[in-house]
Amino acid sequence: MATTEFRDASRAQVSFLAPLEKKCLTWLAQRTPRWINSDHLTVLGLASLIGAGLSYWYAHWHRRGLAMVIVCLFLNWLGDSLDGTLARVRNRLRPRYGFYVDHVVDAFGTFFLLGGLGLSGYMSHGIATGLLIGYFMLSIEVYLATYTLGTFHLSFWKFSPTELRILLMIGNVALLWRPWVHLFGHLYRLFDVGGAVGIVGMSLMLVNAVVHHTAELYRAERLP
């Protein structure tokens, strides 16, 4: 059992919807039945991402799977975002347990989500794999920065998982009417174009964060 003193990292959340989301989550946490705890919500977050991946897979044959994904993404937001808020509102914090479990769940859930998307026929396997690699690379950087700098960044360039869920929901609606797009005289899958933009965006975020944090650590531990 770990007995060493643990210092919880400060949280940096500066996304577009962060102020509104914080108020909404606090309101929900104050009204959540006592028999529901943070662990229940964490399980809901994981199960809903697995459900979203399976729904994308199902969408390969039936477009109603795209609507099921939207429901699963909403439930994932509820479980993934509310579990920590509920613990803080009830003063039932477990910083090490919560940080570890929450992000292991995110890793497994994202794997299932993008795996299902790659099997859906709405996104090529290569783009889905690229997104998964980009997500894991960015996650590794975030966790290393949390350990070395003591600040946990929940958002990049005003985007957090909440904004990304909303964009994915909007994309699902668009797929019902226009799954293919013409671009520069060629026909592409809509989600391949969006996924390629996502890969480029995550790559730029990663490089920017690595350069910034490396410089910050170098200045903090400058040799005489």
C-alpha atoms as a PDB file:
ATOM      1  CA  MET A   1       0.000   0.000   0.000  1.00  0.00           C
ATOM      2  CA  ALA A   2       1.316   3.462  -0.904  1.00  0.00           C
ATOM      3  CA  THR A   3       1.944   5.520   2.232  1.00  0.00           C
ATOM      4  CA  THR A   4       4.035   8.427   0.911  1.00  0.00           C
ATOM      5  CA  GLU A   5       2.527  11.903   0.978  1.00  0.00           C
ATOM      6  CA  PHE A   6       0.708  12.782  -2.217  1.00  0.00           C
ATOM      7  CA  ARG A   7       0.344  16.322  -3.534  1.00  0.00           C
ATOM      8  CA  ASP A   8      -2.634  16.692  -5.828  1.00  0.00           C
ATOM      9  CA  ALA A   9      -1.896  18.587  -9.060  1.00  0.00           C
ATOM     10  CA  SER A  10      -3.691  21.838  -9.792  1.00  0.00           C
ATOM     11  CA  ARG A  11      -6.242  21.636 -12.594  1.00  0.00           C
ATOM     12  CA  ALA A  12      -6.043  23.918 -15.643  1.00  0.00           C
ATOM     13  CA  GLN A  13      -9.398  24.049 -17.442  1.00  0.00           C
ATOM     14  CA  VAL A  14      -9.794  26.981 -19.845  1.00  0.00           C
ATOM     15  CA  SER A  15     -12.065  25.545 -22.527  1.00  0.00           C
ATOM     16  CA  PHE A  16     -14.897  27.448 -24.212  1.00  0.00           C
ATOM     17  CA  LEU A  17     -17.644  25.772 -22.187  1.00  0.00           C
ATOM     18  CA  ALA A  18     -15.759  25.361 -18.877  1.00  0.00           C
ATOM     19  CA  PRO A  19     -17.625  28.072 -16.852  1.00  0.00           C
ATOM     20  CA  LEU A  20     -21.066  26.878 -17.957  1.00  0.00           C
ATOM     21  CA  GLU A  21     -20.115  23.215 -17.570  1.00  0.00           C
ATOM     22  CA  LYS A  22     -18.819  23.754 -14.033  1.00  0.00           C
ATOM     23  CA  LYS A  23     -22.102  25.357 -12.937  1.00  0.00           C
ATOM     24  CA  CYS A  24     -24.125  22.603 -14.593  1.00  0.00           C
ATOM     25  CA  LEU A  25     -22.077  19.796 -13.023  1.00  0.00           C
ATOM     26  CA  THR A  26     -22.245  21.355  -9.559  1.00  0.00           C
ATOM     27  CA  TRP A  27     -26.023  21.686  -9.894  1.00  0.00           C
ATOM     28  CA  LEU A  28     -26.298  18.033 -10.928  1.00  0.00           C
ATOM     29  CA  ALA A  29     -23.960  16.840  -8.160  1.00  0.00           C
ATOM     30  CA  GLN A  30     -26.007  18.614  -5.491  1.00  0.00           C
ATOM     31  CA  ARG A  31     -29.114  16.789  -6.710  1.00  0.00           C
ATOM     32  CA  THR A  32     -27.637  13.356  -7.337  1.00  0.00           C
ATOM     33  CA  PRO A  33     -29.275  10.647  -5.156  1.00  0.00           C
ATOM     34  CA  ARG A  34     -27.093   9.590  -2.219  1.00  0.00           C
ATOM     35  CA  TRP A  35     -27.026   5.962  -3.367  1.00  0.00           C
ATOM     36  CA  ILE A  36     -25.113   7.018  -6.501  1.00  0.00           C
ATOM     37  CA  ASN A  37     -21.398   7.555  -5.925  1.00  0.00           C
ATOM     38  CA  SER A  38     -18.413   8.525  -8.062  1.00  0.00           C
ATOM     39  CA  ASP A  39     -17.513   4.916  -8.860  1.00  0.00           C
ATOM     40  CA  HIS A  40     -20.969   4.362 -10.366  1.00  0.00           C
ATOM     41  CA  LEU A  41     -20.454   7.376 -12.622  1.00  0.00           C
ATOM     42  CA  THR A  42     -16.975   6.219 -13.654  1.00  0.00           C
ATOM     43  CA  VAL A  43     -18.414   2.853 -14.691  1.00  0.00           C
ATOM     44  CA  LEU A  44     -21.150   4.691 -16.611  1.00  0.00           C
ATOM     45  CA  GLY A  45     -18.459   6.690 -18.438  1.00  0.00           C
ATOM     46  CA  LEU A  46     -16.587   3.563 -19.497  1.00  0.00           C
ATOM     47  CA  ALA A  47     -19.702   1.560 -20.416  1.00  0.00           C
ATOM     48  CA  SER A  48     -21.052   4.420 -22.529  1.00  0.00           C
ATOM     49  CA  LEU A  49     -17.797   4.761 -24.517  1.00  0.00           C
ATOM     50  CA  ILE A  50     -17.803   1.017 -25.144  1.00  0.00           C
ATOM     51  CA  GLY A  51     -21.435   1.418 -26.172  1.00  0.00           C
ATOM     52  CA  ALA A  52     -20.479   4.249 -28.539  1.00  0.00           C
ATOM     53  CA  GLY A  53     -17.856   2.038 -30.175  1.00  0.00           C
ATOM     54  CA  LEU A  54     -20.321  -0.820 -30.566  1.00  0.00           C
ATOM     55  CA  SER A  55     -22.911   1.629 -31.947  1.00  0.00           C
ATOM     56  CA  TYR A  56     -20.450   2.823 -34.586  1.00  0.00           C
ATOM     57  CA  TRP A  57     -19.800  -0.797 -35.506  1.00  0.00           C
ATOM     58  CA  TYR A  58     -23.553  -1.366 -35.727  1.00  0.00           C
ATOM     59  CA  ALA A  59     -23.850   1.745 -37.940  1.00  0.00           C
ATOM     60  CA  HIS A  60     -21.940  -0.161 -40.620  1.00  0.00           C
ATOM     61  CA  TRP A  61     -25.258  -1.931 -41.318  1.00  0.00           C
ATOM     62  CA  HIS A  62     -27.889   0.413 -39.847  1.00  0.00           C
ATOM     63  CA  ARG A  63     -27.685   4.204 -39.698  1.00  0.00           C
ATOM     64  CA  ARG A  64     -29.672   4.219 -36.474  1.00  0.00           C
ATOM     65  CA  GLY A  65     -26.371   3.294 -34.852  1.00  0.00           C
ATOM     66  CA  LEU A  66     -25.264   6.909 -35.392  1.00  0.00           C
ATOM     67  CA  ALA A  67     -28.138   8.117 -33.215  1.00  0.00           C
ATOM     68  CA  MET A  68     -27.212   5.543 -30.574  1.00  0.00           C
ATOM     69  CA  VAL A  69     -23.680   6.983 -30.546  1.00  0.00           C
ATOM     70  CA  ILE A  70     -25.055  10.430 -29.671  1.00  0.00           C
ATOM     71  CA  VAL A  71     -26.921   8.996 -26.681  1.00  0.00           C
ATOM     72  CA  CYS A  72     -23.790   7.135 -25.552  1.00  0.00           C
ATOM     73  CA  LEU A  73     -21.636  10.268 -25.863  1.00  0.00           C
ATOM     74  CA  PHE A  74     -24.068  12.214 -23.687  1.00  0.00           C
ATOM     75  CA  LEU A  75     -23.997   9.458 -21.056  1.00  0.00           C
ATOM     76  CA  ASN A  76     -20.202   9.435 -21.265  1.00  0.00           C
ATOM     77  CA  TRP A  77     -20.113  13.178 -20.590  1.00  0.00           C
ATOM     78  CA  LEU A  78     -22.413  12.665 -17.618  1.00  0.00           C
ATOM     79  CA  GLY A  79     -20.355   9.864 -16.096  1.00  0.00           C
ATOM     80  CA  ASP A  80     -16.879  11.094 -16.975  1.00  0.00           C
ATOM     81  CA  SER A  81     -17.446  14.727 -15.988  1.00  0.00           C
ATOM     82  CA  LEU A  82     -19.717  14.305 -12.974  1.00  0.00           C
ATOM     83  CA  ASP A  83     -17.736  11.686 -11.032  1.00  0.00           C
ATOM     84  CA  GLY A  84     -15.014  14.106  -9.887  1.00  0.00           C
ATOM     85  CA  THR A  85     -17.466  16.938  -9.241  1.00  0.00           C
ATOM     86  CA  LEU A  86     -19.618  14.645  -7.114  1.00  0.00           C
ATOM     87  CA  ALA A  87     -16.579  13.658  -5.039  1.00  0.00           C
ATOM     88  CA  ARG A  88     -15.633  17.317  -4.491  1.00  0.00           C
ATOM     89  CA  VAL A  89     -19.184  18.406  -3.605  1.00  0.00           C
ATOM     90  CA  ARG A  90     -19.524  15.562  -1.072  1.00  0.00           C
ATOM     91  CA  ASN A  91     -15.926  15.963   0.155  1.00  0.00           C
ATOM     92  CA  ARG A  92     -15.209  12.317  -0.684  1.00  0.00           C
ATOM     93  CA  LEU A  93     -11.968  12.908  -2.573  1.00  0.00           C
ATOM     94  CA  ARG A  94      -9.459  10.128  -3.345  1.00  0.00           C
ATOM     95  CA  PRO A  95      -6.860  11.984  -5.457  1.00  0.00           C
ATOM     96  CA  ARG A  96      -4.556   9.096  -6.386  1.00  0.00           C
ATOM     97  CA  TYR A  97      -7.323   6.552  -6.932  1.00  0.00           C
ATOM     98  CA  GLY A  98      -9.477   9.019  -8.826  1.00  0.00           C
ATOM     99  CA  PHE A  99      -6.688  10.240 -11.112  1.00  0.00           C
ATOM    100  CA  TYR A 100      -5.476   6.734 -11.934  1.00  0.00           C
ATOM    101  CA  VAL A 101      -8.866   5.087 -12.497  1.00  0.00           C
ATOM    102  CA  ASP A 102     -10.332   8.012 -14.408  1.00  0.00           C
ATOM    103  CA  HIS A 103      -7.543   8.083 -16.959  1.00  0.00           C
ATOM    104  CA  VAL A 104      -7.170   4.335 -17.333  1.00  0.00           C
ATOM    105  CA  VAL A 105     -10.902   4.303 -18.087  1.00  0.00           C
ATOM    106  CA  ASP A 106     -10.408   7.102 -20.632  1.00  0.00           C
ATOM    107  CA  ALA A 107      -7.665   5.109 -22.372  1.00  0.00           C
ATOM    108  CA  PHE A 108      -9.745   1.940 -22.669  1.00  0.00           C
ATOM    109  CA  GLY A 109     -12.880   3.870 -23.614  1.00  0.00           C
ATOM    110  CA  THR A 110     -11.145   5.846 -26.364  1.00  0.00           C
ATOM    111  CA  PHE A 111      -9.691   2.622 -27.750  1.00  0.00           C
ATOM    112  CA  PHE A 112     -13.193   1.141 -28.064  1.00  0.00           C
ATOM    113  CA  LEU A 113     -14.661   4.368 -29.472  1.00  0.00           C
ATOM    114  CA  LEU A 114     -12.081   4.776 -32.239  1.00  0.00           C
ATOM    115  CA  GLY A 115     -11.985   1.037 -32.870  1.00  0.00           C
ATOM    116  CA  GLY A 116     -15.720   1.062 -33.503  1.00  0.00           C
ATOM    117  CA  LEU A 117     -15.391   4.149 -35.676  1.00  0.00           C
ATOM    118  CA  GLY A 118     -12.747   2.404 -37.778  1.00  0.00           C
ATOM    119  CA  LEU A 119     -15.120  -0.546 -38.263  1.00  0.00           C
ATOM    120  CA  SER A 120     -18.128   1.610 -39.088  1.00  0.00           C
ATOM    121  CA  GLY A 121     -17.256   2.298 -42.710  1.00  0.00           C
ATOM    122  CA  TYR A 122     -17.567   6.050 -42.044  1.00  0.00           C
ATOM    123  CA  MET A 123     -13.841   6.414 -41.316  1.00  0.00           C
ATOM    124  CA  SER A 124     -10.871   4.575 -42.806  1.00  0.00           C
ATOM    125  CA  HIS A 125      -8.782   2.320 -40.577  1.00  0.00           C
ATOM    126  CA  GLY A 126      -5.689   4.452 -41.135  1.00  0.00           C
ATOM    127  CA  ILE A 127      -7.328   7.688 -39.972  1.00  0.00           C
ATOM    128  CA  ALA A 128      -8.860   5.976 -36.919  1.00  0.00           C
ATOM    129  CA  THR A 129      -5.453   4.516 -36.022  1.00  0.00           C
ATOM    130  CA  GLY A 130      -3.804   7.913 -36.482  1.00  0.00           C
ATOM    131  CA  LEU A 131      -6.339   9.517 -34.144  1.00  0.00           C
ATOM    132  CA  LEU A 132      -5.759   6.827 -31.535  1.00  0.00           C
ATOM    133  CA  ILE A 133      -1.977   7.265 -31.707  1.00  0.00           C
ATOM    134  CA  GLY A 134      -2.351  11.052 -31.499  1.00  0.00           C
ATOM    135  CA  TYR A 135      -4.637  10.733 -28.475  1.00  0.00           C
ATOM    136  CA  PHE A 136      -2.247   8.426 -26.635  1.00  0.00           C
ATOM    137  CA  MET A 137       0.793  10.597 -27.449  1.00  0.00           C
ATOM    138  CA  LEU A 138      -0.985  13.707 -26.180  1.00  0.00           C
ATOM    139  CA  SER A 139      -2.156  11.832 -23.077  1.00  0.00           C
ATOM    140  CA  ILE A 140       1.392  10.711 -22.298  1.00  0.00           C
ATOM    141  CA  GLU A 141       2.603  14.318 -22.526  1.00  0.00           C
ATOM    142  CA  VAL A 142      -0.203  15.516 -20.247  1.00  0.00           C
ATOM    143  CA  TYR A 143       0.561  12.883 -17.600  1.00  0.00           C
ATOM    144  CA  LEU A 144       4.315  13.582 -17.700  1.00  0.00           C
ATOM    145  CA  ALA A 145       3.649  17.314 -17.358  1.00  0.00           C
ATOM    146  CA  THR A 146       1.277  16.648 -14.463  1.00  0.00           C
ATOM    147  CA  TYR A 147       3.980  14.694 -12.634  1.00  0.00           C
ATOM    148  CA  THR A 148       6.884  17.078 -13.327  1.00  0.00           C
ATOM    149  CA  LEU A 149       5.116  20.462 -13.217  1.00  0.00           C
ATOM    150  CA  GLY A 150       2.233  19.774 -10.844  1.00  0.00           C
ATOM    151  CA  THR A 151      -0.433  21.086 -13.228  1.00  0.00           C
ATOM    152  CA  PHE A 152      -2.995  18.876 -14.929  1.00  0.00           C
ATOM    153  CA  HIS A 153      -4.160  20.365 -18.228  1.00  0.00           C
ATOM    154  CA  LEU A 154      -7.718  19.346 -19.052  1.00  0.00           C
ATOM    155  CA  SER A 155      -7.890  21.373 -22.256  1.00  0.00           C
ATOM    156  CA  PHE A 156      -5.766  22.542 -25.171  1.00  0.00           C
ATOM    157  CA  TRP A 157      -6.420  25.673 -27.222  1.00  0.00           C
ATOM    158  CA  LYS A 158      -9.823  26.157 -25.579  1.00  0.00           C
ATOM    159  CA  PHE A 159     -10.874  22.583 -26.434  1.00  0.00           C
ATOM    160  CA  SER A 160     -11.616  19.936 -23.828  1.00  0.00           C
ATOM    161  CA  PRO A 161     -13.272  16.507 -24.112  1.00  0.00           C
ATOM    162  CA  THR A 162     -16.654  18.220 -23.750  1.00  0.00           C
ATOM    163  CA  GLU A 163     -16.188  20.331 -26.880  1.00  0.00           C
ATOM    164  CA  LEU A 164     -14.867  17.288 -28.749  1.00  0.00           C
ATOM    165  CA  ARG A 165     -17.933  15.254 -27.792  1.00  0.00           C
ATOM    166  CA  ILE A 166     -20.184  18.013 -29.122  1.00  0.00           C
ATOM    167  CA  LEU A 167     -18.256  18.169 -32.399  1.00  0.00           C
ATOM    168  CA  LEU A 168     -18.537  14.396 -32.749  1.00  0.00           C
ATOM    169  CA  MET A 169     -22.289  14.546 -32.105  1.00  0.00           C
ATOM    170  CA  ILE A 170     -22.683  17.235 -34.768  1.00  0.00           C
ATOM    171  CA  GLY A 171     -20.604  15.118 -37.137  1.00  0.00           C
ATOM    172  CA  ASN A 172     -22.879  12.144 -36.542  1.00  0.00           C
ATOM    173  CA  VAL A 173     -25.911  14.216 -37.499  1.00  0.00           C
ATOM    174  CA  ALA A 174     -24.100  15.395 -40.638  1.00  0.00           C
ATOM    175  CA  LEU A 175     -23.340  11.785 -41.583  1.00  0.00           C
ATOM    176  CA  LEU A 176     -27.055  11.077 -41.905  1.00  0.00           C
ATOM    177  CA  TRP A 177     -27.255  13.475 -44.851  1.00  0.00           C
ATOM    178  CA  ARG A 178     -23.765  13.749 -46.282  1.00  0.00           C
ATOM    179  CA  PRO A 179     -21.249  11.012 -45.427  1.00  0.00           C
ATOM    180  CA  TRP A 180     -19.043  11.973 -48.402  1.00  0.00           C
ATOM    181  CA  VAL A 181     -17.613  15.371 -49.372  1.00  0.00           C
ATOM    182  CA  HIS A 182     -15.924  16.764 -52.481  1.00  0.00           C
ATOM    183  CA  LEU A 183     -12.582  18.392 -51.729  1.00  0.00           C
ATOM    184  CA  PHE A 184     -10.047  19.616 -54.293  1.00  0.00           C
ATOM    185  CA  GLY A 185     -11.784  17.627 -57.009  1.00  0.00           C
ATOM    186  CA  HIS A 186     -11.818  14.343 -55.087  1.00  0.00           C
ATOM    187  CA  LEU A 187     -14.436  12.474 -53.056  1.00  0.00           C
ATOM    188  CA  TYR A 188     -13.584  11.763 -49.411  1.00  0.00           C
ATOM    189  CA  ARG A 189     -15.380  10.371 -46.387  1.00  0.00           C
ATOM    190  CA  LEU A 190     -16.598  13.242 -44.210  1.00  0.00           C
ATOM    191  CA  PHE A 191     -15.072  11.663 -41.106  1.00  0.00           C
ATOM    192  CA  ASP A 192     -11.774  11.038 -42.885  1.00  0.00           C
ATOM    193  CA  VAL A 193     -11.507  14.758 -43.535  1.00  0.00           C
ATOM    194  CA  GLY A 194     -12.496  15.576 -39.964  1.00  0.00           C
ATOM    195  CA  GLY A 195     -10.162  12.898 -38.616  1.00  0.00           C
ATOM    196  CA  ALA A 196      -7.237  14.216 -40.669  1.00  0.00           C
ATOM    197  CA  VAL A 197      -7.876  17.698 -39.281  1.00  0.00           C
ATOM    198  CA  GLY A 198      -7.982  16.173 -35.790  1.00  0.00           C
ATOM    199  CA  ILE A 199      -4.645  14.404 -36.296  1.00  0.00           C
ATOM    200  CA  VAL A 200      -2.989  17.616 -37.492  1.00  0.00           C
ATOM    201  CA  GLY A 201      -4.522  19.547 -34.604  1.00  0.00           C
ATOM    202  CA  MET A 202      -3.379  17.055 -31.977  1.00  0.00           C
ATOM    203  CA  SER A 203       0.094  16.939 -33.519  1.00  0.00           C
ATOM    204  CA  LEU A 204       0.404  20.720 -33.301  1.00  0.00           C
ATOM    205  CA  MET A 205      -0.891  20.702 -29.719  1.00  0.00           C
ATOM    206  CA  LEU A 206       1.630  17.997 -28.828  1.00  0.00           C
ATOM    207  CA  VAL A 207       4.612  19.796 -30.344  1.00  0.00           C
ATOM    208  CA  ASN A 208       3.573  23.099 -28.755  1.00  0.00           C
ATOM    209  CA  ALA A 209       3.157  21.489 -25.323  1.00  0.00           C
ATOM    210  CA  VAL A 210       6.472  19.602 -25.543  1.00  0.00           C
ATOM    211  CA  VAL A 211       8.409  22.734 -26.506  1.00  0.00           C
ATOM    212  CA  HIS A 212       6.701  24.867 -23.852  1.00  0.00           C
ATOM    213  CA  HIS A 213       7.051  22.361 -21.014  1.00  0.00           C
ATOM    214  CA  THR A 214      10.632  21.426 -21.914  1.00  0.00           C
ATOM    215  CA  ALA A 215      11.608  25.099 -21.799  1.00  0.00           C
ATOM    216  CA  GLU A 216       9.769  25.567 -18.500  1.00  0.00           C
ATOM    217  CA  LEU A 217      11.527  22.601 -16.908  1.00  0.00           C
ATOM    218  CA  TYR A 218      14.904  23.709 -18.293  1.00  0.00           C
ATOM    219  CA  ARG A 219      14.496  27.139 -16.702  1.00  0.00           C
ATOM    220  CA  ALA A 220      13.385  25.581 -13.410  1.00  0.00           C
ATOM    221  CA  GLU A 221      16.441  23.307 -13.259  1.00  0.00           C
ATOM    222  CA  ARG A 222      19.058  25.433 -14.984  1.00  0.00           C
ATOM    223  CA  LEU A 223      22.564  24.201 -14.214  1.00  0.00           C
ATOM    224  CA  PRO A 224      25.125  26.684 -12.818  1.00  0.00           C
END
